[in-house]
Each structure stands twice: as C-alpha cells, then as structure tokens.
Amino acid sequence: VQLVQSGGGLVQAGGSLRLSCAASGTTFSSNDMGWYRQAPGKQRELVATISSAGLTNYAASVKGRFTISRDNAKNTVYLQMNSLNPEDTAVYYCNAARVSRGTLLRSWGQGTQVTVSS
C-alpha cells in the first residue's frame, strides 16, 4: 500500500488548510483511514479517523475544527483543518488500516509539515 500526502504548509492562526492522502495498491474502500500528528518532542497522536463505513472519530482537541472525509472513487482521504492555532503545528501522517488474514496491517504516508504562526 502506498499513501501519498499533499497539502500542508505555513498558515497564520485562525486560518485553514486541507490535507489530502491518495492511496494505491489496496482496495481503498476496505480500509479504515486516519490522520495522526507528531509535534517536536511529543509522541504521535491520533487526530481523526474515518472507518470503511464512513464513521468518524476525532481527538477532543480538534473536534469542531477539523473534518475528515473520504472519496472512495478517488481513493483519497482528506483532512480539512479550520481555526488553526499554533498548538496544531506538527507533522501530519496519513494512515490506512485493514485486516488481512486475521492480521491488522497499517500503512503510513510520508508525512507533511503543518506550521501555524501566531
């Protein structure tokens, strides 16, 4: 499975960004997809997930500001980020999770930097 991320960059506080993650080499619709982030000196943390059935889950810190969505026809998952603040600064990673022969398999995107200036 290959996950290629795009989007991200530098934005002022209060601004918006959209991240995209295009998947290949897998039956995209069968994967649960997610976004994680890792700030300097901190552990990687979950931001949002969307199941193969379209059910979403968000970290408390981003609920109401971020929206995860997927387009199965384009094999792509998105993360719309609004009302960004400096605490959202991190490297963001796309994740695909699927079960194969009883084993949970995970794949990661290359990561993309999001920097929010105050």
PDB file of N, CA and C in Angstrom:
ATOM      1  N   VAL A   1       0.851  -1.183   0.000  1.00  0.00           N
ATOM      2  CA  VAL A   1       0.000   0.000   0.000  1.00  0.00           C
ATOM      3  C   VAL A   1       0.893   1.241   0.000  1.00  0.00           C
ATOM      4  N   GLN A   2       0.579   2.147  -0.893  1.00  0.00           N
ATOM      5  CA  GLN A   2       1.301   3.412  -0.932  1.00  0.00           C
ATOM      6  C   GLN A   2       0.336   4.544  -0.620  1.00  0.00           C
ATOM      7  N   LEU A   3       0.760   5.418   0.271  1.00  0.00           N
ATOM      8  CA  LEU A   3      -0.020   6.584   0.654  1.00  0.00           C
ATOM      9  C   LEU A   3       0.808   7.818   0.343  1.00  0.00           C
ATOM     10  N   VAL A   4       0.283   8.692  -0.496  1.00  0.00           N
ATOM     11  CA  VAL A   4       0.995   9.900  -0.895  1.00  0.00           C
ATOM     12  C   VAL A   4       0.203  11.106  -0.420  1.00  0.00           C
ATOM     13  N   GLN A   5       0.819  11.889   0.440  1.00  0.00           N
ATOM     14  CA  GLN A   5       0.159  13.036   1.040  1.00  0.00           C
ATOM     15  C   GLN A   5       0.463  14.311   0.268  1.00  0.00           C
ATOM     16  N   SER A   6      -0.457  15.235   0.340  1.00  0.00           N
ATOM     17  CA  SER A   6      -0.249  16.563  -0.224  1.00  0.00           C
ATOM     18  C   SER A   6      -0.994  17.568   0.646  1.00  0.00           C
ATOM     19  N   GLY A   7      -0.648  18.820   0.439  1.00  0.00           N
ATOM     20  CA  GLY A   7      -1.240  19.876   1.257  1.00  0.00           C
ATOM     21  C   GLY A   7      -0.293  20.262   2.371  1.00  0.00           C
ATOM     22  N   GLY A   8      -0.786  20.963   3.340  1.00  0.00           N
ATOM     23  CA  GLY A   8       0.055  21.404   4.429  1.00  0.00           C
ATOM     24  C   GLY A   8       0.770  22.702   4.094  1.00  0.00           C
ATOM     25  N   GLY A   9       1.662  23.119   4.990  1.00  0.00           N
ATOM     26  CA  GLY A   9       2.411  24.348   4.784  1.00  0.00           C
ATOM     27  C   GLY A   9       2.310  25.270   5.971  1.00  0.00           C
ATOM     28  N   LEU A  10       2.502  26.544   5.698  1.00  0.00           N
ATOM     29  CA  LEU A  10       2.502  27.578   6.742  1.00  0.00           C
ATOM     30  C   LEU A  10       1.234  28.407   6.650  1.00  0.00           C
ATOM     31  N   VAL A  11       0.595  28.623   7.787  1.00  0.00           N
ATOM     32  CA  VAL A  11      -0.636  29.409   7.827  1.00  0.00           C
ATOM     33  C   VAL A  11      -0.667  30.202   9.126  1.00  0.00           C
ATOM     34  N   GLN A  12      -1.339  31.321   9.107  1.00  0.00           N
ATOM     35  CA  GLN A  12      -1.487  32.119  10.321  1.00  0.00           C
ATOM     36  C   GLN A  12      -2.596  31.536  11.200  1.00  0.00           C
ATOM     37  N   ALA A  13      -2.513  31.825  12.472  1.00  0.00           N
ATOM     38  CA  ALA A  13      -3.553  31.381  13.397  1.00  0.00           C
ATOM     39  C   ALA A  13      -4.918  31.870  12.931  1.00  0.00           C
ATOM     40  N   GLY A  14      -5.885  30.961  13.032  1.00  0.00           N
ATOM     41  CA  GLY A  14      -7.223  31.264  12.545  1.00  0.00           C
ATOM     42  C   GLY A  14      -7.474  30.853  11.115  1.00  0.00           C
ATOM     43  N   GLY A  15      -6.413  30.479  10.423  1.00  0.00           N
ATOM     44  CA  GLY A  15      -6.535  30.099   9.025  1.00  0.00           C
ATOM     45  C   GLY A  15      -6.940  28.644   8.839  1.00  0.00           C
ATOM     46  N   SER A  16      -6.951  28.244   7.579  1.00  0.00           N
ATOM     47  CA  SER A  16      -7.388  26.886   7.218  1.00  0.00           C
ATOM     48  C   SER A  16      -6.395  26.243   6.268  1.00  0.00           C
ATOM     49  N   LEU A  17      -6.357  24.926   6.321  1.00  0.00           N
ATOM     50  CA  LEU A  17      -5.578  24.123   5.395  1.00  0.00           C
ATOM     51  C   LEU A  17      -6.330  22.834   5.133  1.00  0.00           C
ATOM     52  N   ARG A  18      -6.044  22.229   3.982  1.00  0.00           N
ATOM     53  CA  ARG A  18      -6.608  20.915   3.693  1.00  0.00           C
ATOM     54  C   ARG A  18      -5.487  19.960   3.309  1.00  0.00           C
ATOM     55  N   LEU A  19      -5.477  18.824   3.961  1.00  0.00           N
ATOM     56  CA  LEU A  19      -4.530  17.766   3.640  1.00  0.00           C
ATOM     57  C   LEU A  19      -5.239  16.697   2.819  1.00  0.00           C
ATOM     58  N   SER A  20      -4.497  16.105   1.897  1.00  0.00           N
ATOM     59  CA  SER A  20      -5.017  15.001   1.088  1.00  0.00           C
ATOM     60  C   SER A  20      -4.065  13.823   1.187  1.00  0.00           C
ATOM     61  N   CYS A  21      -4.617  12.649   1.022  1.00  0.00           N
ATOM     62  CA  CYS A  21      -3.814  11.428   1.065  1.00  0.00           C
ATOM     63  C   CYS A  21      -4.394  10.463   0.038  1.00  0.00           C
ATOM     64  N   ALA A  22      -3.626  10.202  -1.005  1.00  0.00           N
ATOM     65  CA  ALA A  22      -4.063   9.317  -2.076  1.00  0.00           C
ATOM     66  C   ALA A  22      -3.465   7.935  -1.879  1.00  0.00           C
ATOM     67  N   ALA A  23      -4.297   6.928  -1.941  1.00  0.00           N
ATOM     68  CA  ALA A  23      -3.857   5.557  -1.704  1.00  0.00           C
ATOM     69  C   ALA A  23      -3.818   4.771  -3.004  1.00  0.00           C
ATOM     70  N   SER A  24      -2.893   3.836  -3.065  1.00  0.00           N
ATOM     71  CA  SER A  24      -2.811   2.908  -4.184  1.00  0.00           C
ATOM     72  C   SER A  24      -2.318   1.567  -3.661  1.00  0.00           C
ATOM     73  N   GLY A  25      -2.562   0.529  -4.463  1.00  0.00           N
ATOM     74  CA  GLY A  25      -2.100  -0.786  -4.064  1.00  0.00           C
ATOM     75  C   GLY A  25      -2.976  -1.480  -3.047  1.00  0.00           C
ATOM     76  N   THR A  26      -4.189  -0.995  -2.899  1.00  0.00           N
ATOM     77  CA  THR A  26      -5.102  -1.581  -1.930  1.00  0.00           C
ATOM     78  C   THR A  26      -6.529  -1.319  -2.376  1.00  0.00           C
ATOM     79  N   THR A  27      -7.452  -2.110  -1.844  1.00  0.00           N
ATOM     80  CA  THR A  27      -8.872  -1.805  -2.041  1.00  0.00           C
ATOM     81  C   THR A  27      -9.233  -0.731  -1.036  1.00  0.00           C
ATOM     82  N   PHE A  28      -9.183   0.508  -1.511  1.00  0.00           N
ATOM     83  CA  PHE A  28      -9.266   1.652  -0.607  1.00  0.00           C
ATOM     84  C   PHE A  28     -10.502   1.599   0.278  1.00  0.00           C
ATOM     85  N   SER A  29     -11.621   1.237  -0.310  1.00  0.00           N
ATOM     86  CA  SER A  29     -12.881   1.271   0.437  1.00  0.00           C
ATOM     87  C   SER A  29     -12.898   0.293   1.598  1.00  0.00           C
ATOM     88  N   SER A  30     -12.006  -0.659   1.608  1.00  0.00           N
ATOM     89  CA  SER A  30     -11.953  -1.647   2.696  1.00  0.00           C
ATOM     90  C   SER A  30     -11.098  -1.192   3.863  1.00  0.00           C
ATOM     91  N   ASN A  31     -10.412  -0.063   3.687  1.00  0.00           N
ATOM     92  CA  ASN A  31      -9.513   0.433   4.725  1.00  0.00           C
ATOM     93  C   ASN A  31     -10.198   1.443   5.628  1.00  0.00           C
ATOM     94  N   ASP A  32      -9.908   1.350   6.921  1.00  0.00           N
ATOM     95  CA  ASP A  32     -10.164   2.465   7.817  1.00  0.00           C
ATOM     96  C   ASP A  32      -9.018   3.446   7.630  1.00  0.00           C
ATOM     97  N   MET A  33      -9.335   4.717   7.518  1.00  0.00           N
ATOM     98  CA  MET A  33      -8.314   5.729   7.263  1.00  0.00           C
ATOM     99  C   MET A  33      -8.223   6.692   8.436  1.00  0.00           C
ATOM    100  N   GLY A  34      -7.049   7.247   8.620  1.00  0.00           N
ATOM    101  CA  GLY A  34      -6.882   8.178   9.723  1.00  0.00           C
ATOM    102  C   GLY A  34      -5.782   9.182   9.479  1.00  0.00           C
ATOM    103  N   TRP A  35      -5.820  10.204  10.288  1.00  0.00           N
ATOM    104  CA  TRP A  35      -4.760  11.210  10.324  1.00  0.00           C
ATOM    105  C   TRP A  35      -4.194  11.257  11.742  1.00  0.00           C
ATOM    106  N   TYR A  36      -2.883  11.281  11.818  1.00  0.00           N
ATOM    107  CA  TYR A  36      -2.163  11.403  13.065  1.00  0.00           C
ATOM    108  C   TYR A  36      -1.208  12.585  12.937  1.00  0.00           C
ATOM    109  N   ARG A  37      -0.699  13.034  14.061  1.00  0.00           N
ATOM    110  CA  ARG A  37       0.282  14.123  14.019  1.00  0.00           C
ATOM    111  C   ARG A  37       1.322  13.940  15.120  1.00  0.00           C
ATOM    112  N   GLN A  38       2.476  14.494  14.858  1.00  0.00           N
ATOM    113  CA  GLN A  38       3.564  14.425  15.829  1.00  0.00           C
ATOM    114  C   GLN A  38       4.255  15.780  15.894  1.00  0.00           C
ATOM    115  N   ALA A  39       4.176  16.387  17.052  1.00  0.00           N
ATOM    116  CA  ALA A  39       4.850  17.657  17.290  1.00  0.00           C
ATOM    117  C   ALA A  39       6.253  17.384  17.821  1.00  0.00           C
ATOM    118  N   PRO A  40       7.160  18.331  17.686  1.00  0.00           N
ATOM    119  CA  PRO A  40       8.533  18.122  18.172  1.00  0.00           C
ATOM    120  C   PRO A  40       8.555  17.748  19.650  1.00  0.00           C
ATOM    121  N   GLY A  41       9.261  16.691  19.960  1.00  0.00           N
ATOM    122  CA  GLY A  41       9.406  16.272  21.345  1.00  0.00           C
ATOM    123  C   GLY A  41       8.200  15.560  21.920  1.00  0.00           C
ATOM    124  N   LYS A  42       7.199  15.293  21.089  1.00  0.00           N
ATOM    125  CA  LYS A  42       5.982  14.646  21.571  1.00  0.00           C
ATOM    126  C   LYS A  42       5.733  13.348  20.808  1.00  0.00           C
ATOM    127  N   GLN A  43       4.899  12.510  21.379  1.00  0.00           N
ATOM    128  CA  GLN A  43       4.534  11.265  20.714  1.00  0.00           C
ATOM    129  C   GLN A  43       3.505  11.536  19.623  1.00  0.00           C
ATOM    130  N   ARG A  44       3.471  10.611  18.678  1.00  0.00           N
ATOM    131  CA  ARG A  44       2.463  10.711  17.629  1.00  0.00           C
ATOM    132  C   ARG A  44       1.084  10.499  18.257  1.00  0.00           C
ATOM    133  N   GLU A  45       0.132  11.325  17.844  1.00  0.00           N
ATOM    134  CA  GLU A  45      -1.197  11.238  18.413  1.00  0.00           C
ATOM    135  C   GLU A  45      -2.248  11.190  17.313  1.00  0.00           C
ATOM    136  N   LEU A  46      -3.370  10.559  17.652  1.00  0.00           N
ATOM    137  CA  LEU A  46      -4.467  10.470  16.713  1.00  0.00           C
ATOM    138  C   LEU A  46      -5.147  11.823  16.566  1.00  0.00           C
ATOM    139  N   VAL A  47      -5.473  12.177  15.337  1.00  0.00           N
ATOM    140  CA  VAL A  47      -6.213  13.408  15.064  1.00  0.00           C
ATOM    141  C   VAL A  47      -7.655  13.068  14.712  1.00  0.00           C
ATOM    142  N   ALA A  48      -7.829  12.193  13.726  1.00  0.00           N
ATOM    143  CA  ALA A  48      -9.169  11.839  13.276  1.00  0.00           C
ATOM    144  C   ALA A  48      -9.111  10.537  12.503  1.00  0.00           C
ATOM    145  N   THR A  49     -10.199   9.801  12.558  1.00  0.00           N
ATOM    146  CA  THR A  49     -10.298   8.573  11.774  1.00  0.00           C
ATOM    147  C   THR A  49     -11.650   8.519  11.077  1.00  0.00           C
ATOM    148  N   ILE A  50     -11.689   7.772   9.994  1.00  0.00           N
ATOM    149  CA  ILE A  50     -12.942   7.508   9.292  1.00  0.00           C
ATOM    150  C   ILE A  50     -12.927   6.043   8.885  1.00  0.00           C
ATOM    151  N   SER A  51     -13.951   5.335   9.276  1.00  0.00           N
ATOM    152  CA  SER A  51     -13.983   3.906   9.011  1.00  0.00           C
ATOM    153  C   SER A  51     -14.372   3.633   7.568  1.00  0.00           C
ATOM    154  N   SER A  52     -14.274   2.379   7.187  1.00  0.00           N
ATOM    155  CA  SER A  52     -14.684   1.994   5.839  1.00  0.00           C
ATOM    156  C   SER A  52     -16.166   2.250   5.631  1.00  0.00           C
ATOM    157  N   ALA A  53     -16.913   2.295   6.721  1.00  0.00           N
ATOM    158  CA  ALA A  53     -18.355   2.576   6.642  1.00  0.00           C
ATOM    159  C   ALA A  53     -18.664   4.060   6.725  1.00  0.00           C
ATOM    160  N   GLY A  54     -17.631   4.879   6.905  1.00  0.00           N
ATOM    161  CA  GLY A  54     -17.835   6.317   6.945  1.00  0.00           C
ATOM    162  C   GLY A  54     -18.035   6.908   8.325  1.00  0.00           C
ATOM    163  N   LEU A  55     -17.848   6.105   9.357  1.00  0.00           N
ATOM    164  CA  LEU A  55     -17.991   6.616  10.716  1.00  0.00           C
ATOM    165  C   LEU A  55     -16.722   7.380  11.095  1.00  0.00           C
ATOM    166  N   THR A  56     -16.900   8.528  11.721  1.00  0.00           N
ATOM    167  CA  THR A  56     -15.760   9.389  12.053  1.00  0.00           C
ATOM    168  C   THR A  56     -15.528   9.467  13.555  1.00  0.00           C
ATOM    169  N   ASN A  57     -14.277   9.763  13.884  1.00  0.00           N
ATOM    170  CA  ASN A  57     -13.877   9.926  15.280  1.00  0.00           C
ATOM    171  C   ASN A  57     -12.804  11.004  15.324  1.00  0.00           C
ATOM    172  N   TYR A  58     -12.867  11.868  16.336  1.00  0.00           N
ATOM    173  CA  TYR A  58     -11.930  12.988  16.423  1.00  0.00           C
ATOM    174  C   TYR A  58     -11.305  13.075  17.805  1.00  0.00           C
ATOM    175  N   ALA A  59     -10.080  13.545  17.833  1.00  0.00           N
ATOM    176  CA  ALA A  59      -9.476  13.916  19.102  1.00  0.00           C
ATOM    177  C   ALA A  59     -10.221  15.116  19.658  1.00  0.00           C
ATOM    178  N   ALA A  60     -10.304  15.185  20.978  1.00  0.00           N
ATOM    179  CA  ALA A  60     -11.042  16.279  21.609  1.00  0.00           C
ATOM    180  C   ALA A  60     -10.477  17.638  21.217  1.00  0.00           C
ATOM    181  N   SER A  61      -9.175  17.694  21.011  1.00  0.00           N
ATOM    182  CA  SER A  61      -8.511  18.975  20.728  1.00  0.00           C
ATOM    183  C   SER A  61      -8.865  19.539  19.356  1.00  0.00           C
ATOM    184  N   VAL A  62      -9.382  18.710  18.463  1.00  0.00           N
ATOM    185  CA  VAL A  62      -9.685  19.181  17.109  1.00  0.00           C
ATOM    186  C   VAL A  62     -11.170  19.111  16.774  1.00  0.00           C
ATOM    187  N   LYS A  63     -11.953  18.510  17.641  1.00  0.00           N
ATOM    188  CA  LYS A  63     -13.381  18.343  17.359  1.00  0.00           C
ATOM    189  C   LYS A  63     -14.035  19.699  17.156  1.00  0.00           C
ATOM    190  N   GLY A  64     -14.818  19.808  16.099  1.00  0.00           N
ATOM    191  CA  GLY A  64     -15.473  21.067  15.771  1.00  0.00           C
ATOM    192  C   GLY A  64     -14.652  21.975  14.886  1.00  0.00           C
ATOM    193  N   ARG A  65     -13.358  21.669  14.738  1.00  0.00           N
ATOM    194  CA  ARG A  65     -12.496  22.494  13.877  1.00  0.00           C
ATOM    195  C   ARG A  65     -12.002  21.722  12.649  1.00  0.00           C
ATOM    196  N   PHE A  66     -11.769  20.427  12.831  1.00  0.00           N
ATOM    197  CA  PHE A  66     -11.260  19.590  11.741  1.00  0.00           C
ATOM    198  C   PHE A  66     -12.358  18.667  11.244  1.00  0.00           C
ATOM    199  N   THR A  67     -12.297  18.346   9.955  1.00  0.00           N
ATOM    200  CA  THR A  67     -13.241  17.409   9.360  1.00  0.00           C
ATOM    201  C   THR A  67     -12.488  16.414   8.495  1.00  0.00           C
ATOM    202  N   ILE A  68     -12.688  15.137   8.768  1.00  0.00           N
ATOM    203  CA  ILE A  68     -12.099  14.091   7.947  1.00  0.00           C
ATOM    204  C   ILE A  68     -13.179  13.585   6.997  1.00  0.00           C
ATOM    205  N   SER A  69     -12.758  13.305   5.779  1.00  0.00           N
ATOM    206  CA  SER A  69     -13.697  12.778   4.791  1.00  0.00           C
ATOM    207  C   SER A  69     -12.932  11.870   3.836  1.00  0.00           C
ATOM    208  N   ARG A  70     -13.682  11.095   3.084  1.00  0.00           N
ATOM    209  CA  ARG A  70     -13.045  10.192   2.124  1.00  0.00           C
ATOM    210  C   ARG A  70     -13.855  10.170   0.837  1.00  0.00           C
ATOM    211  N   ASP A  71     -13.136   9.958  -0.256  1.00  0.00           N
ATOM    212  CA  ASP A  71     -13.750   9.806  -1.566  1.00  0.00           C
ATOM    213  C   ASP A  71     -13.263   8.468  -2.106  1.00  0.00           C
ATOM    214  N   ASN A  72     -14.087   7.465  -1.991  1.00  0.00           N
ATOM    215  CA  ASN A  72     -13.662   6.120  -2.411  1.00  0.00           C
ATOM    216  C   ASN A  72     -13.449   6.032  -3.924  1.00  0.00           C
ATOM    217  N   ALA A  73     -14.128   6.870  -4.678  1.00  0.00           N
ATOM    218  CA  ALA A  73     -13.936   6.864  -6.132  1.00  0.00           C
ATOM    219  C   ALA A  73     -12.554   7.387  -6.510  1.00  0.00           C
ATOM    220  N   LYS A  74     -11.987   8.233  -5.656  1.00  0.00           N
ATOM    221  CA  LYS A  74     -10.663   8.808  -5.918  1.00  0.00           C
ATOM    222  C   LYS A  74      -9.586   8.183  -5.040  1.00  0.00           C
ATOM    223  N   ASN A  75      -9.961   7.200  -4.219  1.00  0.00           N
ATOM    224  CA  ASN A  75      -9.003   6.556  -3.311  1.00  0.00           C
ATOM    225  C   ASN A  75      -8.262   7.589  -2.460  1.00  0.00           C
ATOM    226  N   THR A  76      -8.983   8.555  -1.966  1.00  0.00           N
ATOM    227  CA  THR A  76      -8.362   9.675  -1.263  1.00  0.00           C
ATOM    228  C   THR A  76      -9.115   9.990   0.028  1.00  0.00           C
ATOM    229  N   VAL A  77      -8.334  10.312   1.037  1.00  0.00           N
ATOM    230  CA  VAL A  77      -8.885  10.795   2.299  1.00  0.00           C
ATOM    231  C   VAL A  77      -8.401  12.218   2.508  1.00  0.00           C
ATOM    232  N   TYR A  78      -9.247  13.022   3.115  1.00  0.00           N
ATOM    233  CA  TYR A  78      -8.954  14.443   3.313  1.00  0.00           C
ATOM    234  C   TYR A  78      -9.027  14.804   4.793  1.00  0.00           C
ATOM    235  N   LEU A  79      -8.312  15.855   5.134  1.00  0.00           N
ATOM    236  CA  LEU A  79      -8.459  16.453   6.454  1.00  0.00           C
ATOM    237  C   LEU A  79      -8.573  17.956   6.252  1.00  0.00           C
ATOM    238  N   GLN A  80      -9.766  18.470   6.462  1.00  0.00           N
ATOM    239  CA  GLN A  80      -9.999  19.913   6.401  1.00  0.00           C
ATOM    240  C   GLN A  80      -9.767  20.472   7.797  1.00  0.00           C
ATOM    241  N   MET A  81      -8.857  21.422   7.890  1.00  0.00           N
ATOM    242  CA  MET A  81      -8.488  21.991   9.184  1.00  0.00           C
ATOM    243  C   MET A  81      -8.834  23.469   9.182  1.00  0.00           C
ATOM    244  N   ASN A  82      -9.734  23.847  10.067  1.00  0.00           N
ATOM    245  CA  ASN A  82     -10.155  25.245  10.209  1.00  0.00           C
ATOM    246  C   ASN A  82      -9.778  25.766  11.584  1.00  0.00           C
ATOM    247  N   SER A  83      -9.796  27.057  11.724  1.00  0.00           N
ATOM    248  CA  SER A  83      -9.488  27.711  13.010  1.00  0.00           C
ATOM    249  C   SER A  83      -8.200  27.167  13.608  1.00  0.00           C
ATOM    250  N   LEU A  84      -7.191  27.105  12.794  1.00  0.00           N
ATOM    251  CA  LEU A  84      -5.916  26.556  13.239  1.00  0.00           C
ATOM    252  C   LEU A  84      -5.274  27.450  14.286  1.00  0.00           C
ATOM    253  N   ASN A  85      -4.584  26.821  15.217  1.00  0.00           N
ATOM    254  CA  ASN A  85      -3.838  27.559  16.233  1.00  0.00           C
ATOM    255  C   ASN A  85      -2.428  26.987  16.325  1.00  0.00           C
ATOM    256  N   PRO A  86      -1.513  27.702  16.954  1.00  0.00           N
ATOM    257  CA  PRO A  86      -0.106  27.244  16.996  1.00  0.00           C
ATOM    258  C   PRO A  86       0.061  25.840  17.577  1.00  0.00           C
ATOM    259  N   GLU A  87      -0.854  25.429  18.445  1.00  0.00           N
ATOM    260  CA  GLU A  87      -0.752  24.078  19.026  1.00  0.00           C
ATOM    261  C   GLU A  87      -1.027  22.982  17.999  1.00  0.00           C
ATOM    262  N   ASP A  88      -1.531  23.341  16.835  1.00  0.00           N
ATOM    263  CA  ASP A  88      -1.746  22.364  15.768  1.00  0.00           C
ATOM    264  C   ASP A  88      -0.488  22.140  14.933  1.00  0.00           C
ATOM    265  N   THR A  89       0.559  22.886  15.199  1.00  0.00           N
ATOM    266  CA  THR A  89       1.802  22.715  14.468  1.00  0.00           C
ATOM    267  C   THR A  89       2.386  21.324  14.709  1.00  0.00           C
ATOM    268  N   ALA A  90       2.629  20.609  13.647  1.00  0.00           N
ATOM    269  CA  ALA A  90       3.127  19.235  13.756  1.00  0.00           C
ATOM    270  C   ALA A  90       3.344  18.677  12.354  1.00  0.00           C
ATOM    271  N   VAL A  91       3.972  17.519  12.314  1.00  0.00           N
ATOM    272  CA  VAL A  91       3.993  16.734  11.077  1.00  0.00           C
ATOM    273  C   VAL A  91       2.769  15.826  11.108  1.00  0.00           C
ATOM    274  N   TYR A  92       1.990  15.886  10.051  1.00  0.00           N
ATOM    275  CA  TYR A  92       0.758  15.117   9.961  1.00  0.00           C
ATOM    276  C   TYR A  92       0.981  13.896   9.069  1.00  0.00           C
ATOM    277  N   TYR A  93       0.465  12.760   9.526  1.00  0.00           N
ATOM    278  CA  TYR A  93       0.643  11.497   8.820  1.00  0.00           C
ATOM    279  C   TYR A  93      -0.711  10.881   8.499  1.00  0.00           C
ATOM    280  N   CYS A  94      -0.823  10.393   7.300  1.00  0.00           N
ATOM    281  CA  CYS A  94      -1.989   9.629   6.877  1.00  0.00           C
ATOM    282  C   CYS A  94      -1.755   8.152   7.218  1.00  0.00           C
ATOM    283  N   ASN A  95      -2.820   7.469   7.586  1.00  0.00           N
ATOM    284  CA  ASN A  95      -2.723   6.064   7.960  1.00  0.00           C
ATOM    285  C   ASN A  95      -3.863   5.268   7.326  1.00  0.00           C
ATOM    286  N   ALA A  96      -3.526   4.081   6.861  1.00  0.00           N
ATOM    287  CA  ALA A  96      -4.523   3.136   6.354  1.00  0.00           C
ATOM    288  C   ALA A  96      -4.430   1.872   7.184  1.00  0.00           C
ATOM    289  N   ALA A  97      -5.567   1.374   7.624  1.00  0.00           N
ATOM    290  CA  ALA A  97      -5.598   0.170   8.447  1.00  0.00           C
ATOM    291  C   ALA A  97      -6.591  -0.832   7.849  1.00  0.00           C
ATOM    292  N   ARG A  98      -6.173  -2.067   7.775  1.00  0.00           N
ATOM    293  CA  ARG A  98      -7.037  -3.105   7.212  1.00  0.00           C
ATOM    294  C   ARG A  98      -6.657  -4.435   7.849  1.00  0.00           C
ATOM    295  N   VAL A  99      -7.595  -5.360   7.794  1.00  0.00           N
ATOM    296  CA  VAL A  99      -7.338  -6.690   8.321  1.00  0.00           C
ATOM    297  C   VAL A  99      -7.132  -7.631   7.152  1.00  0.00           C
ATOM    298  N   SER A 100      -6.033  -8.346   7.190  1.00  0.00           N
ATOM    299  CA  SER A 100      -5.720  -9.319   6.147  1.00  0.00           C
ATOM    300  C   SER A 100      -5.374 -10.649   6.807  1.00  0.00           C
ATOM    301  N   ARG A 101      -6.179 -11.661   6.512  1.00  0.00           N
ATOM    302  CA  ARG A 101      -5.955 -12.998   7.078  1.00  0.00           C
ATOM    303  C   ARG A 101      -5.839 -12.933   8.594  1.00  0.00           C
ATOM    304  N   GLY A 102      -6.694 -12.139   9.214  1.00  0.00           N
ATOM    305  CA  GLY A 102      -6.733 -12.061  10.658  1.00  0.00           C
ATOM    306  C   GLY A 102      -5.690 -11.162  11.279  1.00  0.00           C
ATOM    307  N   THR A 103      -4.901 -10.502  10.459  1.00  0.00           N
ATOM    308  CA  THR A 103      -3.830  -9.640  10.963  1.00  0.00           C
ATOM    309  C   THR A 103      -4.124  -8.190  10.608  1.00  0.00           C
ATOM    310  N   LEU A 104      -3.964  -7.300  11.598  1.00  0.00           N
ATOM    311  CA  LEU A 104      -4.152  -5.874  11.346  1.00  0.00           C
ATOM    312  C   LEU A 104      -2.903  -5.327  10.671  1.00  0.00           C
ATOM    313  N   LEU A 105      -3.079  -4.743   9.529  1.00  0.00           N
ATOM    314  CA  LEU A 105      -1.969  -4.161   8.783  1.00  0.00           C
ATOM    315  C   LEU A 105      -2.142  -2.647   8.726  1.00  0.00           C
ATOM    316  N   ARG A 106      -1.059  -1.936   8.931  1.00  0.00           N
ATOM    317  CA  ARG A 106      -1.087  -0.468   8.874  1.00  0.00           C
ATOM    318  C   ARG A 106      -0.065   0.041   7.871  1.00  0.00           C
ATOM    319  N   SER A 107      -0.444   1.071   7.168  1.00  0.00           N
ATOM    320  CA  SER A 107       0.472   1.753   6.255  1.00  0.00           C
ATOM    321  C   SER A 107       0.440   3.235   6.570  1.00  0.00           C
ATOM    322  N   TRP A 108       1.581   3.895   6.336  1.00  0.00           N
ATOM    323  CA  TRP A 108       1.722   5.313   6.675  1.00  0.00           C
ATOM    324  C   TRP A 108       2.142   6.122   5.456  1.00  0.00           C
ATOM    325  N   GLY A 109       1.636   7.349   5.407  1.00  0.00           N
ATOM    326  CA  GLY A 109       2.104   8.292   4.410  1.00  0.00           C
ATOM    327  C   GLY A 109       3.452   8.857   4.823  1.00  0.00           C
ATOM    328  N   GLN A 110       3.998   9.707   3.952  1.00  0.00           N
ATOM    329  CA  GLN A 110       5.344  10.216   4.168  1.00  0.00           C
ATOM    330  C   GLN A 110       5.399  11.353   5.189  1.00  0.00           C
ATOM    331  N   GLY A 111       4.263  11.877   5.551  1.00  0.00           N
ATOM    332  CA  GLY A 111       4.231  12.994   6.490  1.00  0.00           C
ATOM    333  C   GLY A 111       4.281  14.330   5.772  1.00  0.00           C
ATOM    334  N   THR A 112       3.578  15.294   6.342  1.00  0.00           N
ATOM    335  CA  THR A 112       3.599  16.640   5.779  1.00  0.00           C
ATOM    336  C   THR A 112       3.589  17.646   6.926  1.00  0.00           C
ATOM    337  N   GLN A 113       4.387  18.675   6.799  1.00  0.00           N
ATOM    338  CA  GLN A 113       4.526  19.654   7.864  1.00  0.00           C
ATOM    339  C   GLN A 113       3.377  20.664   7.804  1.00  0.00           C
ATOM    340  N   VAL A 114       2.785  20.904   8.948  1.00  0.00           N
ATOM    341  CA  VAL A 114       1.806  21.984   9.127  1.00  0.00           C
ATOM    342  C   VAL A 114       2.355  22.914  10.204  1.00  0.00           C
ATOM    343  N   THR A 115       2.530  24.167   9.852  1.00  0.00           N
ATOM    344  CA  THR A 115       3.045  25.152  10.791  1.00  0.00           C
ATOM    345  C   THR A 115       2.046  26.298  10.898  1.00  0.00           C
ATOM    346  N   VAL A 116       1.635  26.581  12.122  1.00  0.00           N
ATOM    347  CA  VAL A 116       0.670  27.658  12.371  1.00  0.00           C
ATOM    348  C   VAL A 116       1.379  28.750  13.161  1.00  0.00           C
ATOM    349  N   SER A 117       1.445  29.920  12.589  1.00  0.00           N
ATOM    350  CA  SER A 117       2.113  31.030  13.245  1.00  0.00           C
ATOM    351  C   SER A 117       1.103  31.866  14.031  1.00  0.00           C
ATOM    352  N   SER A 118       1.585  32.416  15.121  1.00  0.00           N
ATOM    353  CA  SER A 118       0.689  33.214  15.977  1.00  0.00           C
ATOM    354  C   SER A 118       0.653  34.661  15.558  1.00  0.00           C
TER     355      SER A 118
END
